[in-house]
């Protein structure tokens, strides 16, 4: 089962990364995605299909002062 940010996400498998991120409301800018320990380039999101065994971490950048 796909694990995203530490939680099982069965419905993610088979979707491309760009569509999944959009569906879940992630912004196009200000995030980074790591799949199985490898940072994925934004240009690769549309062609990267989420596998049922992937471990994915999605992080957003937060500014502050």
Protein backbone atom coordinates (compact mmCIF):
# COMPACT_ATOMS: atom_id res chain seq x y z
CA UNK A 1 0.00 0.00 0.00
CA UNK A 2 1.17 3.51 -0.78
CA UNK A 3 2.23 5.50 2.29
CA UNK A 4 2.00 9.30 2.05
CA UNK A 5 3.28 11.41 4.93
CA UNK A 6 3.13 8.37 7.19
CA UNK A 7 -0.47 7.38 6.38
CA UNK A 8 -1.79 4.64 4.07
CA UNK A 9 -3.33 6.09 0.89
CA UNK A 10 -4.72 3.21 -1.15
CA UNK A 11 -6.47 5.49 -3.67
CA UNK A 12 -3.18 7.13 -4.72
CA UNK A 13 -1.80 4.09 -6.57
CA UNK A 14 -2.05 4.37 -10.34
CA UNK A 15 -2.44 8.16 -10.42
CA UNK A 16 0.27 10.42 -11.72
CA UNK A 17 1.89 12.59 -9.11
CA UNK A 18 0.76 15.91 -10.62
CA UNK A 19 -2.89 14.84 -10.63
CA UNK A 20 -2.70 13.48 -7.09
CA UNK A 21 -1.18 16.71 -5.74
CA UNK A 22 -3.81 18.82 -7.51
CA UNK A 23 -6.62 16.57 -6.27
CA UNK A 24 -5.40 16.92 -2.68
CA UNK A 25 -5.11 20.71 -2.96
CA UNK A 26 -1.33 21.08 -2.82
CA UNK A 27 -0.03 24.29 -4.41
CA UNK A 28 2.14 24.04 -7.51
CA UNK A 29 4.89 26.08 -5.85
CA UNK A 30 6.33 25.80 -2.38
CA UNK A 31 6.35 22.02 -2.00
CA UNK A 32 8.86 19.23 -2.40
CA UNK A 33 8.10 15.56 -2.97
CA UNK A 34 10.30 12.64 -2.01
CA UNK A 35 9.45 9.14 -3.23
CA UNK A 36 11.30 6.20 -1.73
CA UNK A 37 14.06 8.50 -0.51
CA UNK A 38 14.55 10.34 -3.81
CA UNK A 39 13.53 13.98 -4.39
CA UNK A 40 11.36 14.21 -7.51
CA UNK A 41 11.85 17.16 -9.88
CA UNK A 42 8.70 19.17 -10.56
CA UNK A 43 9.15 18.54 -14.28
CA UNK A 44 8.77 14.80 -13.56
CA UNK A 45 5.47 15.07 -11.65
CA UNK A 46 3.17 14.55 -14.68
CA UNK A 47 5.00 11.43 -15.84
CA UNK A 48 5.57 9.86 -12.41
CA UNK A 49 2.86 7.28 -11.68
CA UNK A 50 2.40 6.44 -8.02
CA UNK A 51 3.05 2.79 -7.29
CA UNK A 52 1.22 0.75 -4.68
CA UNK A 53 4.47 0.24 -2.75
CA UNK A 54 5.75 3.85 -2.81
CA UNK A 55 6.61 5.71 0.38
CA UNK A 56 6.03 9.40 -0.30
CA UNK A 57 6.80 12.49 1.76
CA UNK A 58 5.25 15.81 0.70
CA UNK A 59 6.58 18.88 2.46
CA UNK A 60 5.60 22.51 2.13
CA UNK A 61 7.80 25.47 2.74
CA UNK A 62 6.63 27.88 5.41
CA UNK A 63 8.09 31.33 5.80
CA UNK A 64 8.29 33.20 9.01
CA UNK A 65 10.16 35.83 10.86
